[in-house]
Amino acid sequence: MKKRTLSLLLAGALTLSLAACGGGAAESKAPEESKAVESAAPAESQAPAESAAPESKSVKVGLICIGDENDQGYTYNFIRGKEAATDALAAEGINVEWVVKYNIGEDSSCEDANIECAEEGCQLVINNSYGFEPFMLKVVDDYPEVEFVGCTNQGSWNDGKDNTHNAFANIYEGRYLAGVAGGMKLQQMIDAGEITAEEAVIGYVGAFPYAEVISGYTAFFLGARSVCPSVTMKVKYVNSWSNATEESNAAIALADEGCKLISQHSDNTTPATAAESKGVFHCGYNNDMTGIAPKASLLSCRIDWAPYFTYIIKAVANGESFDQDWTGGYGDNAIVVTDLNEAIAAPGTAEKMAEVEKGLADGSIQVFDTKTFTVGGAELTQAFALDTDGDFAPDSEEAVFDGAYHESYYQSAPYFAMIIDGITEE
């Protein structure tokens, strides 16, 4: 089953601002209904004296979050998308009332939060963490009139239920691009004689050994290696999506083991501050971290959830269906890379990134080009069956074709879970 592409309903939403919202813990207030504006027509005009007010619609939306905006990372990024989508929809006469549940665990409290949102009259409930979906699915049959979304998940798109949905974006594209920036910095250090080619080692702080994390760090590594051929990578898992202390400890340990650049798939900013404290460089996730680590952090990548939120809320407002499994990439404005820290970036990085970004958007650059990596010393020529933790395996179809492994092609959630040569997990 091929993934569905972004609906044309997004056409008006993709130009919305990407600026970060401030604060945002309180529920959004629906803007006042627009009023008709009277205009005096010229004497010879036959225009009516009064223009009709646009029809105003309202939607109540639940958002269940594993953290809150104070993490300045994962949940903050969802709140940023929420605020931008609210503004874009208000401009189209759609008012959104949000019910936001913060700091919900991946446990029965998530089930309770979904029930609460439905009982409070939400027409759409968005769950923002991978581990929320099993608890969400316990609720959906009791509220068939409510649409439930599991972001970054994979169990809803083919479950046979009409009111469940999955969504993700091709963040591996953003990680590849961030890896290019990191790799150029490492190559600059090699060329300057600051490190040897063998010392160009990346340290990666990972949350869990899931396909989502493996896909991301592999993409980052391949982006770095495209400009720094000698680079290798060490991965340390913290076994939590959000544990600021353990993320910091893992980053420090990686630096102590000789890693010259730290990246992360974890929710907090502590890997950035740890990298700065150890005098190594950093590429972040979900938020610009150059402000807290100006001497270390080169840039970050993130998913922009605003286009998707705008799309699904507009569909609900208009009584229309929306994709059961959605993904978007550079071509859909769903992936964002923050401003490059020019003060520490290698010369020519911005130009190289622009070139790569264009290639990602038009498809001429494939992140998982099978000519660029090996698994166990061999080129990848067929899809590997994935049988860990319910990871998706294409139904008798191969994800490798046209010279590349096609990530998030059969479903939105990543399924690349192979450890390629050059990367070691610890």
Protein backbone atom coordinates (compact mmCIF):
# COMPACT_ATOMS: atom_id res chain seq x y z
CA MET A 1 0.00 0.00 0.00
CA LYS A 2 1.62 3.21 -1.10
CA LYS A 3 1.53 6.16 1.28
CA ARG A 4 -1.00 8.85 0.63
CA THR A 5 0.29 12.31 -0.28
CA LEU A 6 -0.60 15.71 1.11
CA SER A 7 -4.09 16.85 0.22
CA LEU A 8 -4.68 19.88 -1.96
CA LEU A 9 -6.47 21.31 1.04
CA LEU A 10 -3.01 22.34 2.26
CA ALA A 11 -2.48 24.76 -0.61
CA GLY A 12 -3.57 27.76 1.39
CA ALA A 13 -1.83 26.68 4.58
CA LEU A 14 1.74 26.19 3.42
CA THR A 15 2.62 29.84 3.42
CA LEU A 16 1.91 30.33 7.12
CA SER A 17 4.63 31.68 9.39
CA LEU A 18 7.13 29.32 10.95
CA ALA A 19 7.95 31.68 13.80
CA ALA A 20 8.08 30.07 17.24
CA CYS A 21 5.20 30.80 19.57
CA GLY A 22 5.84 32.19 23.02
CA GLY A 23 4.52 30.51 26.17
CA GLY A 24 1.24 28.94 25.13
CA ALA A 25 0.24 26.93 28.20
CA ALA A 26 -3.28 28.37 28.25
CA GLU A 27 -6.01 27.29 25.85
CA SER A 28 -6.31 29.38 22.72
CA LYS A 29 -9.27 31.73 22.62
CA ALA A 30 -11.37 31.61 19.48
CA PRO A 31 -11.13 34.89 17.61
CA GLU A 32 -14.26 37.01 17.37
CA GLU A 33 -16.50 36.36 14.40
CA SER A 34 -15.69 38.62 11.45
CA LYS A 35 -18.11 41.43 10.81
CA ALA A 36 -19.43 42.61 7.47
CA VAL A 37 -17.72 45.74 6.22
CA GLU A 38 -19.81 48.43 4.56
CA SER A 39 -18.23 50.17 1.61
CA ALA A 40 -19.51 53.07 -0.45
CA ALA A 41 -19.60 52.09 -4.11
CA PRO A 42 -19.02 54.70 -6.80
CA ALA A 43 -22.23 56.20 -8.18
CA GLU A 44 -21.94 54.36 -11.47
CA SER A 45 -21.27 51.02 -9.76
CA GLN A 46 -24.03 48.50 -9.37
CA ALA A 47 -22.18 46.81 -6.42
CA PRO A 48 -24.31 46.03 -3.36
CA ALA A 49 -24.02 48.48 -0.48
CA GLU A 50 -22.97 45.80 1.99
CA SER A 51 -20.69 42.78 1.58
CA ALA A 52 -21.72 39.50 3.16
CA ALA A 53 -19.81 38.28 6.22
CA PRO A 54 -17.91 35.04 5.62
CA GLU A 55 -19.42 31.98 7.26
CA SER A 56 -17.68 31.21 10.53
CA LYS A 57 -17.12 27.63 11.70
CA SER A 58 -15.83 26.29 15.00
CA VAL A 59 -13.98 23.09 15.83
CA LYS A 60 -13.03 21.76 19.25
CA VAL A 61 -9.73 19.89 19.22
CA GLY A 62 -7.95 17.88 21.92
CA LEU A 63 -4.16 17.72 22.03
CA ILE A 64 -2.60 15.16 24.38
CA CYS A 65 1.09 15.79 25.08
CA ILE A 66 3.79 13.71 26.70
CA GLY A 67 5.47 16.87 28.04
CA ASP A 68 4.82 20.59 28.00
CA GLU A 69 6.23 23.57 26.16
CA ASN A 70 8.88 24.08 28.85
CA ASP A 71 10.90 21.20 27.40
CA GLN A 72 11.80 23.62 24.57
CA GLY A 73 11.90 20.54 22.39
CA TYR A 74 9.36 17.91 21.35
CA THR A 75 6.13 19.13 22.95
CA TYR A 76 7.12 22.76 22.41
CA ASN A 77 7.30 21.95 18.71
CA PHE A 78 3.72 20.65 18.76
CA ILE A 79 2.53 23.76 20.56
CA ARG A 80 4.26 25.85 17.91
CA GLY A 81 2.33 23.92 15.22
CA LYS A 82 -0.92 24.32 17.14
CA GLU A 83 -0.59 28.09 17.36
CA ALA A 84 0.40 28.53 13.71
CA ALA A 85 -2.48 26.33 12.52
CA THR A 86 -4.92 28.25 14.71
CA ASP A 87 -3.88 31.53 13.11
CA ALA A 88 -4.04 30.13 9.58
CA LEU A 89 -7.50 28.67 10.14
CA ALA A 90 -8.82 31.86 11.76
CA ALA A 91 -7.90 33.72 8.59
CA GLU A 92 -10.21 31.32 6.73
CA GLY A 93 -13.09 31.77 9.18
CA ILE A 94 -12.47 28.57 11.15
CA ASN A 95 -12.21 29.10 14.89
CA VAL A 96 -10.40 26.44 16.92
CA GLU A 97 -11.01 25.79 20.60
CA TRP A 98 -8.22 23.66 22.05
CA VAL A 99 -8.32 21.29 25.00
CA VAL A 100 -4.68 20.58 25.82
CA LYS A 101 -3.55 17.84 28.20
CA TYR A 102 0.08 18.25 29.27
CA ASN A 103 2.55 15.81 30.87
CA ILE A 104 0.52 12.68 30.14
CA GLY A 105 2.26 9.34 30.60
CA GLU A 106 2.41 6.46 28.14
CA ASP A 107 0.04 4.54 30.41
CA SER A 108 -3.60 4.47 31.50
CA SER A 109 -3.50 8.24 32.08
CA CYS A 110 -3.39 8.57 28.30
CA GLU A 111 -6.57 6.49 27.99
CA ASP A 112 -8.20 8.78 30.56
CA ALA A 113 -7.03 11.90 28.69
CA ASN A 114 -8.58 10.66 25.44
CA ILE A 115 -11.87 9.94 27.23
CA GLU A 116 -11.82 13.38 28.84
CA CYS A 117 -11.29 15.11 25.50
CA ALA A 118 -14.13 13.17 23.91
CA GLU A 119 -16.46 13.84 26.85
CA GLU A 120 -15.61 17.54 26.71
CA GLY A 121 -16.93 17.66 23.17
CA CYS A 122 -13.76 17.47 21.10
CA GLN A 123 -14.47 16.51 17.50
CA LEU A 124 -10.81 15.67 16.90
CA VAL A 125 -8.22 14.34 19.37
CA ILE A 126 -4.50 14.41 18.55
CA ASN A 127 -2.06 12.23 20.51
CA ASN A 128 1.54 13.43 20.21
CA SER A 129 3.67 10.50 21.44
CA TYR A 130 4.54 7.11 19.99
CA GLY A 131 3.53 5.24 23.16
CA PHE A 132 0.09 6.85 23.33
CA GLU A 133 -1.50 4.90 20.50
CA PRO A 134 -2.32 1.63 22.34
CA PHE A 135 -4.22 3.62 24.97
CA MET A 136 -5.92 5.79 22.37
CA LEU A 137 -7.15 2.67 20.57
CA LYS A 138 -8.90 1.47 23.73
CA VAL A 139 -11.18 4.49 23.52
CA VAL A 140 -12.00 4.97 19.85
CA ASP A 141 -14.86 2.46 19.57
CA ASP A 142 -16.80 4.25 22.32
CA TYR A 143 -16.67 7.56 20.42
CA PRO A 144 -17.21 6.75 16.72
CA GLU A 145 -18.15 10.37 15.98
CA VAL A 146 -14.74 11.62 17.16
CA GLU A 147 -11.62 11.48 14.94
CA PHE A 148 -8.50 10.22 16.76
CA VAL A 149 -4.94 10.79 15.51
CA GLY A 150 -1.75 9.08 16.68
CA CYS A 151 1.23 11.17 15.64
CA THR A 152 4.42 9.22 14.83
CA ASN A 153 2.47 5.95 15.15
CA GLN A 154 1.72 3.01 12.91
CA GLY A 155 -1.22 1.00 14.27
CA SER A 156 -4.21 3.02 13.12
CA TRP A 157 -3.88 3.40 9.38
CA ASN A 158 -4.88 -0.19 8.63
CA ASP A 159 -6.91 -1.17 11.70
CA GLY A 160 -10.24 -1.20 9.85
CA LYS A 161 -11.66 1.65 11.93
CA ASP A 162 -13.11 4.73 10.28
CA ASN A 163 -12.13 7.22 12.99
CA THR A 164 -8.43 6.45 13.57
CA HIS A 165 -5.47 8.03 11.80
CA ASN A 166 -1.67 8.10 11.79
CA ALA A 167 0.62 10.95 10.78
CA PHE A 168 4.34 11.53 10.52
CA ALA A 169 6.69 13.55 8.35
CA ASN A 170 9.93 12.63 6.62
CA ILE A 171 12.15 13.94 9.39
CA TYR A 172 14.91 11.70 8.06
CA GLU A 173 15.25 14.26 5.25
CA GLY A 174 15.87 17.02 7.80
CA ARG A 175 18.32 14.83 9.68
CA TYR A 176 20.23 14.11 6.47
CA LEU A 177 20.51 17.85 5.81
CA ALA A 178 21.61 18.53 9.40
CA GLY A 179 24.16 15.76 8.98
CA VAL A 180 25.58 17.60 5.97
CA ALA A 181 26.19 20.65 8.18
CA GLY A 182 27.79 18.48 10.86
CA GLY A 183 29.92 16.58 8.36
CA MET A 184 31.22 19.78 6.80
CA LYS A 185 32.33 20.96 10.24
CA LEU A 186 34.17 17.70 10.88
CA GLN A 187 35.84 17.84 7.45
CA GLN A 188 36.90 21.43 8.14
CA MET A 189 38.56 20.24 11.36
CA ILE A 190 40.34 17.45 9.47
CA ASP A 191 41.54 19.83 6.77
CA ALA A 192 42.82 22.25 9.39
CA GLY A 193 44.79 19.51 11.14
CA GLU A 194 42.71 19.83 14.34
CA ILE A 195 41.69 16.16 14.23
CA THR A 196 42.69 13.16 12.15
CA ALA A 197 40.28 11.57 9.69
CA GLU A 198 39.83 8.65 12.10
CA GLU A 199 38.85 11.05 14.88
CA ALA A 200 35.82 12.33 12.98
CA VAL A 201 33.37 10.50 15.25
CA ILE A 202 29.74 11.50 15.82
CA GLY A 203 28.02 10.74 19.12
CA TYR A 204 24.26 10.27 18.97
CA VAL A 205 21.88 10.39 21.94
CA GLY A 206 18.94 8.11 21.11
CA ALA A 207 15.71 7.64 23.01
CA PHE A 208 14.90 3.99 22.21
CA PRO A 209 16.19 1.38 19.73
CA TYR A 210 13.08 1.84 17.58
CA ALA A 211 12.94 2.20 13.81
CA GLU A 212 12.05 5.88 14.17
CA VAL A 213 15.32 6.57 16.01
CA ILE A 214 17.46 4.23 13.90
CA SER A 215 16.12 5.71 10.67
CA GLY A 216 16.90 9.20 11.94
CA TYR A 217 20.44 8.61 13.10
CA THR A 218 21.23 6.64 9.96
CA ALA A 219 20.04 9.55 7.83
CA PHE A 220 22.13 11.97 9.88
CA PHE A 221 25.20 9.74 9.49
CA LEU A 222 24.70 9.40 5.72
CA GLY A 223 24.35 13.16 5.36
CA ALA A 224 27.58 13.68 7.30
CA ARG A 225 29.43 11.00 5.36
CA SER A 226 28.39 12.53 2.04
CA VAL A 227 30.78 15.41 2.81
CA CYS A 228 33.16 13.76 5.31
CA PRO A 229 33.93 10.24 4.02
CA SER A 230 35.85 9.06 7.10
CA VAL A 231 33.12 9.76 9.64
CA THR A 232 31.85 7.07 12.04
CA MET A 233 29.11 7.14 14.69
CA LYS A 234 28.49 5.87 18.23
CA VAL A 235 24.92 5.69 19.58
CA LYS A 236 23.89 5.67 23.23
CA TYR A 237 20.27 5.03 24.23
CA VAL A 238 18.65 6.62 27.27
CA ASN A 239 15.47 4.48 27.06
CA SER A 240 13.22 7.47 27.50
CA TRP A 241 11.79 10.06 25.15
CA SER A 242 12.37 12.77 27.72
CA ASN A 243 14.92 12.51 30.51
CA ALA A 244 17.01 15.67 30.65
CA THR A 245 19.57 14.28 33.06
CA GLU A 246 20.19 11.03 31.22
CA GLU A 247 20.37 12.84 27.88
CA SER A 248 23.06 15.09 29.29
CA ASN A 249 24.92 12.13 30.80
CA ALA A 250 24.88 10.27 27.48
CA ALA A 251 26.19 13.30 25.59
CA ILE A 252 28.99 13.82 28.11
CA ALA A 253 29.95 10.15 27.95
CA LEU A 254 30.08 10.27 24.15
CA ALA A 255 32.30 13.35 24.24
CA ASP A 256 34.56 11.65 26.79
CA GLU A 257 34.86 8.70 24.39
CA GLY A 258 36.25 11.02 21.73
CA CYS A 259 33.14 12.10 19.77
CA LYS A 260 33.68 15.51 18.18
CA LEU A 261 30.03 16.18 17.29
CA ILE A 262 26.86 15.29 19.20
CA SER A 263 23.38 14.90 17.77
CA GLN A 264 20.18 13.61 19.29
CA HIS A 265 16.77 12.03 18.99
CA SER A 266 15.58 12.99 22.46
CA ASP A 267 13.25 15.68 23.70
CA ASN A 268 15.40 18.07 25.73
CA THR A 269 18.12 20.65 25.15
CA THR A 270 20.62 19.09 27.58
CA PRO A 271 22.68 17.32 24.88
CA ALA A 272 23.38 20.78 23.43
CA THR A 273 24.51 22.28 26.72
CA ALA A 274 26.53 19.15 27.50
CA ALA A 275 28.27 19.39 24.12
CA GLU A 276 29.15 23.02 24.78
CA SER A 277 30.51 22.15 28.22
CA LYS A 278 32.78 19.52 26.65
CA GLY A 279 34.00 21.73 23.80
CA VAL A 280 32.44 19.67 20.99
CA PHE A 281 29.89 20.57 18.34
CA HIS A 282 26.19 19.76 18.22
CA CYS A 283 23.17 19.41 15.91
CA GLY A 284 19.77 19.49 17.60
CA TYR A 285 16.17 18.39 17.20
CA ASN A 286 12.76 20.10 17.49
CA ASN A 287 14.03 23.57 18.37
CA ASP A 288 16.83 26.02 17.62
CA MET A 289 19.42 25.36 20.33
CA THR A 290 22.01 27.90 19.23
CA GLY A 291 20.79 30.34 21.88
CA ILE A 292 21.67 28.04 24.76
CA ALA A 293 24.79 26.55 23.15
CA PRO A 294 26.13 29.26 20.82
CA LYS A 295 29.65 27.82 20.68
CA ALA A 296 28.48 24.25 19.99
CA SER A 297 25.13 24.02 18.24
CA LEU A 298 25.24 24.37 14.46
CA LEU A 299 21.50 24.02 13.73
CA SER A 300 18.49 21.79 14.39
CA CYS A 301 15.83 20.05 12.33
CA ARG A 302 12.18 19.61 13.15
CA ILE A 303 8.79 18.61 11.81
CA ASP A 304 6.44 21.51 11.16
CA TRP A 305 3.07 20.17 12.33
CA ALA A 306 1.15 23.29 11.27
CA PRO A 307 0.39 22.11 7.69
CA TYR A 308 -1.01 18.80 8.94
CA PHE A 309 -3.00 20.34 11.77
CA THR A 310 -4.45 22.90 9.36
CA TYR A 311 -5.39 20.17 6.90
CA ILE A 312 -7.18 17.87 9.35
CA ILE A 313 -8.96 20.61 11.31
CA LYS A 314 -10.22 22.17 8.09
CA ALA A 315 -11.49 18.75 6.99
CA VAL A 316 -13.38 18.27 10.27
CA ALA A 317 -14.82 21.80 10.05
CA ASN A 318 -16.12 21.08 6.55
CA GLY A 319 -17.42 17.61 7.38
CA GLU A 320 -14.89 16.00 5.05
CA SER A 321 -12.73 12.90 5.43
CA PHE A 322 -8.94 13.10 5.70
CA ASP A 323 -6.09 10.68 5.11
CA GLN A 324 -5.90 7.73 7.44
CA ASP A 325 -2.13 7.67 7.05
CA TRP A 326 -0.40 10.94 6.18
CA THR A 327 3.20 11.90 5.63
CA GLY A 328 4.89 14.99 4.24
CA GLY A 329 8.41 16.03 3.41
CA TYR A 330 10.36 18.96 2.04
CA GLY A 331 8.06 19.23 -0.92
CA ASP A 332 5.11 19.70 1.47
CA ASN A 333 6.80 22.26 3.76
CA ALA A 334 6.54 19.71 6.58
CA ILE A 335 10.28 19.65 7.37
CA VAL A 336 12.20 22.63 8.74
CA VAL A 337 15.88 23.20 9.40
CA THR A 338 16.63 26.12 11.73
CA ASP A 339 19.00 28.94 10.85
CA LEU A 340 22.60 27.88 10.50
CA ASN A 341 24.94 29.16 13.20
CA GLU A 342 27.26 30.94 10.76
CA ALA A 343 29.62 31.94 13.56
CA ILE A 344 30.85 28.36 13.92
CA ALA A 345 29.74 26.60 10.70
CA ALA A 346 32.31 25.54 8.13
CA PRO A 347 32.68 27.90 5.15
CA GLY A 348 30.36 26.96 2.29
CA THR A 349 27.89 25.09 4.52
CA ALA A 350 24.89 27.27 3.66
CA GLU A 351 25.50 26.88 -0.06
CA LYS A 352 25.91 23.11 0.21
CA MET A 353 22.76 22.81 2.31
CA ALA A 354 20.77 24.80 -0.26
CA GLU A 355 21.95 22.41 -2.96
CA VAL A 356 21.00 19.36 -0.90
CA GLU A 357 17.67 20.82 0.18
CA LYS A 358 16.71 21.35 -3.45
CA GLY A 359 17.63 17.75 -4.23
CA LEU A 360 15.52 16.45 -1.35
CA ALA A 361 12.55 18.53 -2.43
CA ASP A 362 12.63 17.38 -6.06
CA GLY A 363 13.59 13.78 -5.28
CA SER A 364 16.94 13.81 -7.03
CA ILE A 365 18.65 13.05 -3.71
CA GLN A 366 17.55 9.82 -2.01
CA VAL A 367 18.59 9.68 1.64
CA PHE A 368 18.89 5.89 1.69
CA ASP A 369 20.61 5.48 -1.68
CA THR A 370 21.83 1.87 -1.53
CA LYS A 371 25.13 2.79 -3.22
CA THR A 372 26.06 4.90 -0.18
CA PHE A 373 25.97 2.28 2.58
CA THR A 374 26.35 -1.40 3.34
CA VAL A 375 24.91 -3.76 5.95
CA GLY A 376 27.33 -6.42 7.15
CA GLY A 377 29.65 -5.54 4.32
CA ALA A 378 27.05 -6.09 1.60
CA GLU A 379 24.97 -3.69 -0.46
CA LEU A 380 21.31 -3.76 0.47
CA THR A 381 19.35 -5.36 -2.34
CA GLN A 382 16.08 -6.34 -0.69
CA ALA A 383 13.91 -5.28 2.23
CA PHE A 384 14.69 -6.88 5.56
CA ALA A 385 11.75 -8.35 7.47
CA LEU A 386 11.21 -6.25 10.60
CA ASP A 387 9.84 -8.25 13.50
CA THR A 388 10.82 -6.20 16.55
CA ASP A 389 8.16 -4.44 18.63
CA GLY A 390 5.62 -4.71 15.84
CA ASP A 391 7.68 -2.76 13.33
CA PHE A 392 6.08 -2.62 9.93
CA ALA A 393 7.16 -4.98 7.18
CA PRO A 394 5.81 -4.45 3.67
CA ASP A 395 3.34 -7.15 2.67
CA SER A 396 5.50 -9.27 0.35
CA GLU A 397 6.74 -6.04 -1.22
CA GLU A 398 10.26 -4.70 -1.13
CA ALA A 399 11.16 -1.27 0.15
CA VAL A 400 14.30 -1.32 -2.00
CA PHE A 401 13.70 -0.28 -5.58
CA ASP A 402 15.09 2.23 -8.07
CA GLY A 403 18.43 2.12 -6.25
CA ALA A 404 17.18 3.26 -2.85
CA TYR A 405 15.48 2.09 0.32
CA HIS A 406 12.17 3.95 0.32
CA GLU A 407 11.51 4.95 3.90
CA SER A 408 7.95 5.92 4.90
CA TYR A 409 6.68 4.83 1.48
CA TYR A 410 4.35 2.05 2.61
CA GLN A 411 3.26 3.86 5.75
CA SER A 412 4.06 7.19 7.35
CA ALA A 413 5.90 5.79 10.38
CA PRO A 414 9.57 4.89 9.71
CA TYR A 415 10.52 1.25 9.30
CA PHE A 416 14.25 1.44 8.50
CA ALA A 417 15.71 -0.53 11.42
CA MET A 418 19.02 -1.88 10.12
CA ILE A 419 22.37 -0.99 11.67
CA ILE A 420 24.58 -0.02 8.75
CA ASP A 421 28.34 -0.30 8.64
CA GLY A 422 30.11 2.64 10.29
CA ILE A 423 27.62 2.91 13.16
CA THR A 424 27.88 1.14 16.52
CA GLU A 425 25.28 1.05 19.29
CA GLU A 426 26.33 1.08 22.92
